[in-house]
Protein backbone atom coordinates (compact mmCIF):
# COMPACT_ATOMS: atom_id res chain seq x y z
CA MET A 1 -65.67 -22.84 -19.29
CA LYS A 2 -66.42 -22.30 -15.64
CA ARG A 3 -64.81 -19.63 -13.77
CA ARG A 4 -62.82 -22.18 -11.60
CA GLN A 5 -61.41 -24.04 -14.61
CA PHE A 6 -60.67 -20.75 -16.46
CA LEU A 7 -58.39 -19.66 -13.35
CA GLN A 8 -56.81 -23.36 -13.30
CA ALA A 9 -55.93 -23.32 -17.45
CA ALA A 10 -54.42 -19.65 -17.07
CA GLY A 11 -52.52 -20.47 -14.07
CA LEU A 12 -51.25 -23.47 -15.78
CA GLY A 13 -50.70 -21.46 -18.94
CA VAL A 14 -48.35 -18.86 -17.06
CA ALA A 15 -46.33 -21.46 -15.62
CA ALA A 16 -45.48 -23.27 -18.26
CA ALA A 17 -44.49 -19.53 -19.73
CA ALA A 18 -42.58 -18.86 -17.31
CA ILE A 19 -40.73 -22.43 -17.39
CA ALA A 20 -40.15 -21.94 -21.47
CA ALA A 21 -38.84 -18.12 -21.02
CA PRO A 22 -35.17 -17.85 -21.22
CA ALA A 23 -33.14 -16.94 -18.11
CA PRO A 24 -32.46 -13.41 -17.73
CA ALA A 25 -29.53 -11.80 -19.47
CA VAL A 26 -27.53 -11.11 -16.19
CA ALA A 27 -27.94 -14.52 -14.90
CA GLN A 28 -26.94 -15.90 -18.29
CA SER A 29 -23.81 -13.51 -18.38
CA MET A 30 -23.13 -14.91 -14.83
CA PRO A 31 -21.40 -18.29 -14.84
CA GLU A 32 -19.82 -20.03 -11.96
CA LEU A 33 -16.41 -19.83 -12.02
CA LYS A 34 -14.03 -20.73 -9.43
CA TRP A 35 -10.25 -19.06 -9.62
CA ARG A 36 -6.77 -19.07 -7.89
CA LEU A 37 -5.30 -16.10 -6.99
CA THR A 38 -1.72 -16.76 -5.58
CA SER A 39 0.04 -13.55 -3.17
CA SER A 40 3.53 -12.40 -3.40
CA PHE A 41 3.16 -12.22 0.49
CA PRO A 42 2.72 -14.11 3.76
CA LYS A 43 -0.88 -13.94 5.67
CA SER A 44 0.92 -12.46 8.91
CA LEU A 45 1.43 -8.75 6.78
CA ASP A 46 -2.31 -8.66 7.00
CA THR A 47 -2.75 -5.29 5.19
CA ILE A 48 -0.37 -5.90 1.95
CA TYR A 49 -1.71 -9.49 1.92
CA GLY A 50 -5.29 -8.70 3.01
CA ALA A 51 -5.81 -6.57 0.14
CA ALA A 52 -6.01 -9.70 -1.90
CA GLU A 53 -8.80 -11.07 0.43
CA ILE A 54 -10.75 -8.07 0.47
CA PHE A 55 -10.54 -7.97 -3.08
CA ALA A 56 -11.81 -11.69 -3.48
CA LYS A 57 -14.55 -11.21 -0.89
CA ALA A 58 -15.75 -7.98 -3.08
CA VAL A 59 -15.83 -10.14 -6.48
CA ALA A 60 -17.54 -13.03 -4.31
CA GLU A 61 -20.70 -10.64 -3.12
CA ALA A 62 -21.09 -9.00 -6.26
CA THR A 63 -21.80 -12.00 -8.06
CA ASP A 64 -23.71 -14.14 -5.11
CA ASN A 65 -20.92 -16.29 -4.62
CA LYS A 66 -20.93 -17.43 -8.69
CA PHE A 67 -17.24 -16.04 -9.18
CA GLN A 68 -15.09 -17.30 -6.71
CA ILE A 69 -11.38 -16.36 -6.43
CA GLN A 70 -9.56 -18.57 -3.54
CA CYS A 71 -6.45 -16.61 -2.11
CA PHE A 72 -3.19 -18.39 -1.42
CA ALA A 73 -0.12 -17.01 0.99
CA ALA A 74 3.09 -16.91 -0.94
CA GLY A 75 4.72 -20.30 -1.03
CA GLU A 76 1.40 -22.47 -0.77
CA ILE A 77 1.46 -22.56 -4.54
CA VAL A 78 4.57 -20.97 -5.72
CA PRO A 79 7.06 -18.67 -3.89
CA GLY A 80 6.03 -15.15 -3.52
CA LEU A 81 8.68 -14.03 -6.05
CA ASN A 82 7.44 -16.45 -8.64
CA ALA A 83 3.42 -15.31 -8.63
CA ALA A 84 3.93 -13.56 -11.94
CA ASP A 85 5.56 -16.97 -13.82
CA ALA A 86 2.42 -18.62 -12.43
CA VAL A 87 -0.02 -16.42 -13.77
CA SER A 88 2.06 -16.24 -17.29
CA ASN A 89 2.08 -19.96 -17.88
CA GLY A 90 -1.09 -20.65 -16.66
CA THR A 91 -0.53 -22.68 -12.99
CA VAL A 92 -3.09 -19.99 -11.75
CA GLU A 93 -5.19 -17.73 -13.49
CA MET A 94 -3.99 -14.45 -11.32
CA CYS A 95 -2.03 -13.38 -8.31
CA HIS A 96 -1.45 -10.45 -6.22
CA THR A 97 1.98 -9.20 -6.40
CA ALA A 98 4.38 -5.66 -7.31
CA SER A 99 5.41 -5.64 -10.46
CA TYR A 100 8.95 -4.63 -9.64
CA TYR A 101 9.66 -7.87 -8.35
CA TYR A 102 10.19 -9.09 -12.06
CA PHE A 103 12.86 -6.61 -12.72
CA GLY A 104 15.13 -9.12 -13.47
CA LYS A 105 13.16 -10.27 -16.40
CA ASP A 106 12.71 -6.63 -17.87
CA PRO A 107 13.48 -3.27 -16.17
CA THR A 108 9.94 -2.06 -17.48
CA PHE A 109 8.37 -3.72 -14.81
CA ALA A 110 9.63 -1.71 -12.28
CA PHE A 111 7.14 1.38 -13.42
CA GLY A 112 4.25 -0.99 -12.38
CA THR A 113 5.07 -0.63 -8.79
CA ALA A 114 7.69 2.52 -8.03
CA VAL A 115 10.95 3.70 -9.34
CA PRO A 116 13.62 5.67 -7.54
CA PHE A 117 12.39 9.67 -6.90
CA GLY A 118 9.22 8.75 -9.13
CA LEU A 119 5.62 9.30 -8.18
CA ASN A 120 4.13 9.78 -4.53
CA SER A 121 0.83 7.44 -4.36
CA ARG A 122 -1.53 10.06 -5.45
CA MET A 123 0.37 10.66 -8.38
CA GLN A 124 0.54 6.80 -9.00
CA ASN A 125 -3.11 6.74 -8.89
CA ALA A 126 -3.60 9.89 -11.29
CA TRP A 127 -1.08 8.30 -13.89
CA GLN A 128 -2.38 4.64 -14.08
CA PHE A 129 -5.97 5.89 -14.38
CA PHE A 130 -6.04 8.95 -15.92
CA GLY A 131 -2.42 9.68 -17.44
CA GLY A 132 -2.08 6.96 -19.90
CA GLY A 133 0.02 4.61 -17.47
CA MET A 134 -2.45 1.62 -17.42
CA GLU A 135 -2.72 1.13 -21.00
CA LEU A 136 1.37 1.88 -21.37
CA MET A 137 1.78 -1.19 -18.54
CA ASN A 138 -0.79 -3.71 -20.14
CA GLU A 139 0.62 -2.73 -23.79
CA PHE A 140 4.14 -4.26 -22.10
CA TYR A 141 2.43 -6.50 -19.93
CA LYS A 142 0.76 -8.48 -22.36
CA LYS A 143 4.12 -9.16 -23.87
CA HIS A 144 4.30 -11.76 -20.75
CA ASN A 145 0.91 -12.87 -21.04
CA ILE A 146 -0.58 -10.56 -18.37
CA TYR A 147 -3.42 -8.18 -17.83
CA GLY A 148 -2.88 -5.92 -14.88
CA ILE A 149 -4.70 -3.47 -12.73
CA PRO A 150 -3.87 -1.72 -9.75
CA CYS A 151 -4.63 -3.38 -6.68
CA GLY A 152 -3.13 -1.63 -3.53
CA ASN A 153 -0.50 0.91 -2.58
CA THR A 154 1.85 1.29 0.59
CA GLY A 155 2.03 5.12 0.17
CA CYS A 156 5.53 6.77 0.72
CA GLN A 157 8.04 3.64 2.40
CA MET A 158 10.59 3.88 4.98
CA GLY A 159 14.41 3.76 4.18
CA GLY A 160 14.89 0.71 5.95
CA TRP A 161 16.82 -0.56 8.75
CA PHE A 162 20.74 -0.38 8.91
CA ARG A 163 23.04 -2.17 11.60
CA LYS A 164 24.99 1.32 11.68
CA GLU A 165 24.58 4.70 11.05
CA ILE A 166 24.43 5.77 7.43
CA LYS A 167 25.89 9.68 7.33
CA THR A 168 27.92 9.80 3.85
CA VAL A 169 28.15 7.80 0.72
CA GLU A 170 31.31 5.96 1.84
CA ASP A 171 28.80 4.06 4.53
CA LEU A 172 27.18 2.17 1.86
CA LYS A 173 30.19 0.72 0.19
CA GLY A 174 30.24 -3.00 0.59
CA LEU A 175 26.85 -2.48 2.69
CA LYS A 176 24.49 -6.17 1.92
CA MET A 177 20.92 -4.67 1.39
CA ARG A 178 17.87 -6.52 0.77
CA ILE A 179 16.63 -4.00 -1.77
CA GLY A 180 15.67 -5.37 -5.12
CA GLY A 181 14.86 -3.94 -8.52
CA PHE A 182 15.58 -0.26 -9.80
CA ALA A 183 16.81 0.49 -6.45
CA GLY A 184 19.17 -1.96 -6.32
CA ARG A 185 20.90 -1.07 -9.16
CA VAL A 186 20.94 2.37 -7.54
CA MET A 187 22.27 1.13 -4.46
CA ALA A 188 24.84 -0.73 -6.25
CA LYS A 189 26.05 2.29 -8.29
CA MET A 190 26.79 3.76 -5.16
CA GLY A 191 28.87 1.00 -3.71
CA ALA A 192 26.11 -1.56 -1.84
CA VAL A 193 25.70 -4.92 -2.47
CA PRO A 194 21.75 -5.52 -3.35
CA GLN A 195 19.79 -8.77 -2.47
CA GLN A 196 16.54 -9.55 -3.58
CA ILE A 197 14.77 -12.12 -0.41
CA ALA A 198 11.10 -12.47 -0.01
CA GLY A 199 9.74 -10.73 2.82
CA GLY A 200 9.66 -13.93 5.22
CA ASP A 201 13.17 -14.50 4.87
CA ILE A 202 14.52 -11.02 5.55
CA TYR A 203 14.61 -11.60 9.36
CA PRO A 204 16.54 -14.35 9.80
CA ALA A 205 19.14 -13.15 7.40
CA LEU A 206 19.44 -9.63 9.39
CA GLU A 207 20.01 -12.02 12.41
CA LYS A 208 22.56 -14.22 11.04
CA GLY A 209 24.46 -11.06 9.48
CA THR A 210 23.87 -12.29 5.67
CA LEU A 211 22.36 -8.99 5.58
CA ASP A 212 23.89 -5.25 6.91
CA ALA A 213 20.40 -3.42 6.12
CA CYS A 214 17.05 -4.17 4.72
CA GLU A 215 13.93 -2.08 3.34
CA TRP A 216 10.43 -3.66 3.53
CA VAL A 217 7.57 -1.30 3.85
CA GLY A 218 6.61 1.03 6.79
CA PRO A 219 6.04 1.05 10.69
CA TYR A 220 3.14 -1.27 10.49
CA ASP A 221 4.77 -4.06 8.66
CA ASP A 222 8.41 -3.62 9.95
CA GLU A 223 7.18 -3.71 13.48
CA LYS A 224 5.28 -7.17 12.65
CA LEU A 225 8.73 -8.62 11.05
CA GLY A 226 10.89 -7.61 14.32
CA PHE A 227 13.49 -5.77 12.06
CA TYR A 228 13.82 -3.22 14.93
CA LYS A 229 15.69 -5.93 16.96
CA VAL A 230 18.46 -6.87 14.94
CA ALA A 231 18.84 -3.81 12.99
CA LYS A 232 18.11 -0.69 15.20
CA TYR A 233 18.58 2.45 12.85
CA TYR A 234 15.46 3.37 11.05
CA TYR A 235 15.86 5.61 8.02
CA TYR A 236 13.71 7.60 5.91
CA PRO A 237 12.51 8.29 3.29
CA GLY A 238 12.32 5.47 0.96
CA TRP A 239 13.13 7.45 -2.21
CA TRP A 240 12.95 4.21 -4.29
CA GLU A 241 9.56 3.93 -3.38
CA GLY A 242 7.44 7.18 -2.85
CA GLY A 243 4.27 5.38 -3.96
CA ALA A 244 4.62 1.75 -3.91
CA MET A 245 1.67 0.40 -6.01
CA LEU A 246 0.56 -3.44 -6.06
CA HIS A 247 -1.60 -4.95 -8.79
CA ASN A 248 -3.64 -8.13 -9.54
CA PHE A 249 -1.76 -9.72 -12.54
CA ILE A 250 -4.51 -11.82 -14.69
CA ASN A 251 -3.66 -14.47 -17.16
CA ILE A 252 -4.36 -12.83 -20.44
CA GLU A 253 -6.36 -15.59 -22.11
CA LYS A 254 -8.59 -16.13 -18.83
CA TRP A 255 -9.16 -12.33 -18.73
CA GLU A 256 -10.41 -11.98 -22.14
CA GLN A 257 -12.54 -14.92 -21.63
CA LEU A 258 -14.34 -13.37 -18.77
CA PRO A 259 -18.12 -12.20 -19.48
CA PRO A 260 -17.96 -7.98 -19.66
CA ILE A 261 -19.98 -7.88 -16.48
CA TYR A 262 -17.38 -10.03 -14.51
CA LYS A 263 -14.35 -7.84 -15.94
CA SER A 264 -16.54 -4.58 -14.65
CA ILE A 265 -16.78 -6.49 -10.93
CA VAL A 266 -12.77 -7.50 -11.26
CA ARG A 267 -11.92 -3.84 -12.07
CA THR A 268 -14.05 -2.12 -9.38
CA ALA A 269 -13.29 -4.89 -6.45
CA SER A 270 -9.53 -3.92 -7.25
CA GLU A 271 -10.11 -0.17 -7.24
CA MET A 272 -11.86 -0.85 -3.99
CA ALA A 273 -8.76 -2.79 -2.48
CA ASN A 274 -6.41 0.18 -3.84
CA THR A 275 -7.95 2.40 -1.54
CA TRP A 276 -8.60 -0.22 1.48
CA MET A 277 -4.83 -0.75 1.41
CA GLN A 278 -3.58 2.68 1.59
CA SER A 279 -6.20 3.83 3.92
CA LYS A 280 -5.29 0.85 6.28
CA TYR A 281 -1.63 1.65 6.14
CA ASP A 282 -2.24 5.26 6.93
CA ALA A 283 -4.47 4.51 9.89
CA ALA A 284 -2.09 2.35 11.31
CA ASN A 285 1.25 3.16 10.79
CA PRO A 286 1.73 6.16 13.16
CA ALA A 287 0.98 3.99 16.39
CA ALA A 288 3.31 1.42 15.25
CA LEU A 289 6.03 3.92 14.76
CA LYS A 290 5.22 4.89 18.23
CA LYS A 291 5.77 1.51 19.42
CA LEU A 292 8.91 0.95 17.05
CA LEU A 293 10.64 3.62 19.11
CA ALA A 294 9.31 2.93 22.46
CA GLY A 295 11.04 -0.82 21.58
CA GLY A 296 14.32 0.88 21.01
CA ALA A 297 14.52 1.71 17.08
CA ILE A 298 16.36 4.78 16.27
CA LEU A 299 15.02 7.01 13.72
CA ARG A 300 16.97 9.19 11.42
CA PRO A 301 16.64 10.93 8.02
CA PHE A 302 19.30 10.36 5.27
CA THR A 303 21.37 13.14 5.09
CA PRO A 304 21.11 15.72 2.24
CA GLN A 305 24.33 14.14 0.76
CA VAL A 306 23.34 10.85 0.75
CA LEU A 307 19.88 12.00 -0.87
CA ASP A 308 21.63 13.95 -3.57
CA ALA A 309 24.37 11.17 -4.71
CA SER A 310 21.24 8.69 -4.63
CA TYR A 311 19.26 11.06 -7.00
CA GLN A 312 22.41 11.39 -9.18
CA ALA A 313 22.87 7.62 -9.36
CA ALA A 314 19.26 7.07 -10.28
CA LEU A 315 19.72 9.27 -13.16
CA GLU A 316 22.83 7.74 -14.59
CA VAL A 317 21.12 4.27 -14.17
CA TYR A 318 17.75 5.59 -15.78
CA THR A 319 20.17 6.77 -19.15
CA GLU A 320 21.95 3.32 -18.91
CA THR A 321 18.88 1.55 -18.72
CA ALA A 322 17.08 3.67 -21.38
CA ALA A 323 19.62 3.47 -23.83
CA ALA A 324 19.31 -0.59 -23.93
CA ASN A 325 15.61 -1.12 -23.63
CA ALA A 326 13.10 0.64 -25.82
CA ASP A 327 10.10 -0.47 -23.87
CA PHE A 328 12.02 0.65 -20.77
CA LYS A 329 12.46 4.04 -22.18
CA LYS A 330 9.16 4.45 -23.65
CA VAL A 331 7.16 4.07 -20.29
CA HIS A 332 10.35 6.37 -18.60
CA ASP A 333 10.00 9.48 -20.51
CA HIS A 334 6.27 9.47 -20.46
CA LEU A 335 6.30 9.02 -16.71
CA MET A 336 8.90 11.50 -15.99
CA ALA A 337 7.10 14.01 -17.86
CA TYR A 338 4.06 13.07 -15.87
CA ARG A 339 6.13 13.69 -12.77
CA SER A 340 7.02 17.37 -13.94
CA ASP A 341 3.73 18.53 -14.58
CA GLN A 342 1.93 16.86 -11.28
CA TYR A 343 4.98 18.73 -8.98
CA LEU A 344 4.03 22.08 -10.84
CA TRP A 345 0.60 21.54 -9.18
CA TRP A 346 1.76 19.88 -6.01
CA GLN A 347 4.26 22.56 -4.77
CA ILE A 348 1.17 24.92 -4.97
CA ALA A 349 -1.27 23.40 -3.10
CA GLU A 350 -0.93 19.99 -1.27
CA TYR A 351 3.07 20.24 -0.18
CA THR A 352 2.24 24.08 1.19
CA PHE A 353 -0.75 23.00 3.22
CA ASP A 354 1.05 19.94 4.30
CA THR A 355 4.45 21.83 5.46
CA TYR A 356 2.36 24.61 7.08
CA GLN A 357 0.29 21.92 8.99
CA ILE A 358 3.40 19.95 10.25
CA ARG A 359 4.99 23.29 11.45
CA ALA A 360 1.76 24.32 13.19
CA ARG A 361 1.66 21.31 15.01
CA SER A 362 5.14 21.43 16.39
CA ARG A 363 3.88 24.67 18.10
CA THR A 364 0.68 23.25 19.68
């Protein structure tokens, strides 16, 4: 055979082999998928809603757009407080939400986000990723056809907006306050009347007098929502949300059907959004707080009397709830033991360092 004919034949053979060769294993394990994600939050809250978009973008980039997740704001598919239901029944593949919104179904849901006098945000991450928290919560979520992955944290929240000053527990009696979940039960024990209202409906309720007070997140979001215009007293700290964690809830059948590489990417993208959200809030809250104070907000700490009464009321509600709910008791006992060990360490390093820094700042 002549040299040119040999090369042509060889080239055809290589091409044929390439056509016949199976696609790489990675390509085979990355099918084209399109999911819908419903958020519990409006688009105007660019951080708590934005974490879902950050997550979805990361998944698309990591899969060369083969796995696309379209985000929908609260109300576009279902109301914000029905996001988990839409996942459970298969209306959507997943949602981005706060677990404690579903406290009414089972109080155990509260531990996925925050409980009164619970963990701060760093402790929440430690408990979820290394302390057995994620396994415990997913054992519970499975009963509701959900698989949960942490995806965001607000950090310690503010204690909310009030039309009048709160100096004693008596000032809470009869107070109509937007506060849901476990914290709502604690406030009710102290005489307040808790209301669970979605974020976008809070301002009109305050303006009309349907509410006397509300809590949301912190300065950055609160300033956007304009609460200071109708309730000027701004209290701290939000003892019911020392580190409020958000989750991606995924329909468990859809989760189990994902190829391993997609599961890994979803976990990684969720963890990235988890870090992104709190970093964004930490960066934005100082300037927002200054803006609120310049706009007439009056900053107040809860008095020791109110905090002590709140703590005692929380312990009573924990005891009552645990006695009636085995799932709640299991998670509660685990989390509180973990909290105790965490503060053993925290008081030595983090608290001492931060306390000194705060005092030193005031002297310079």
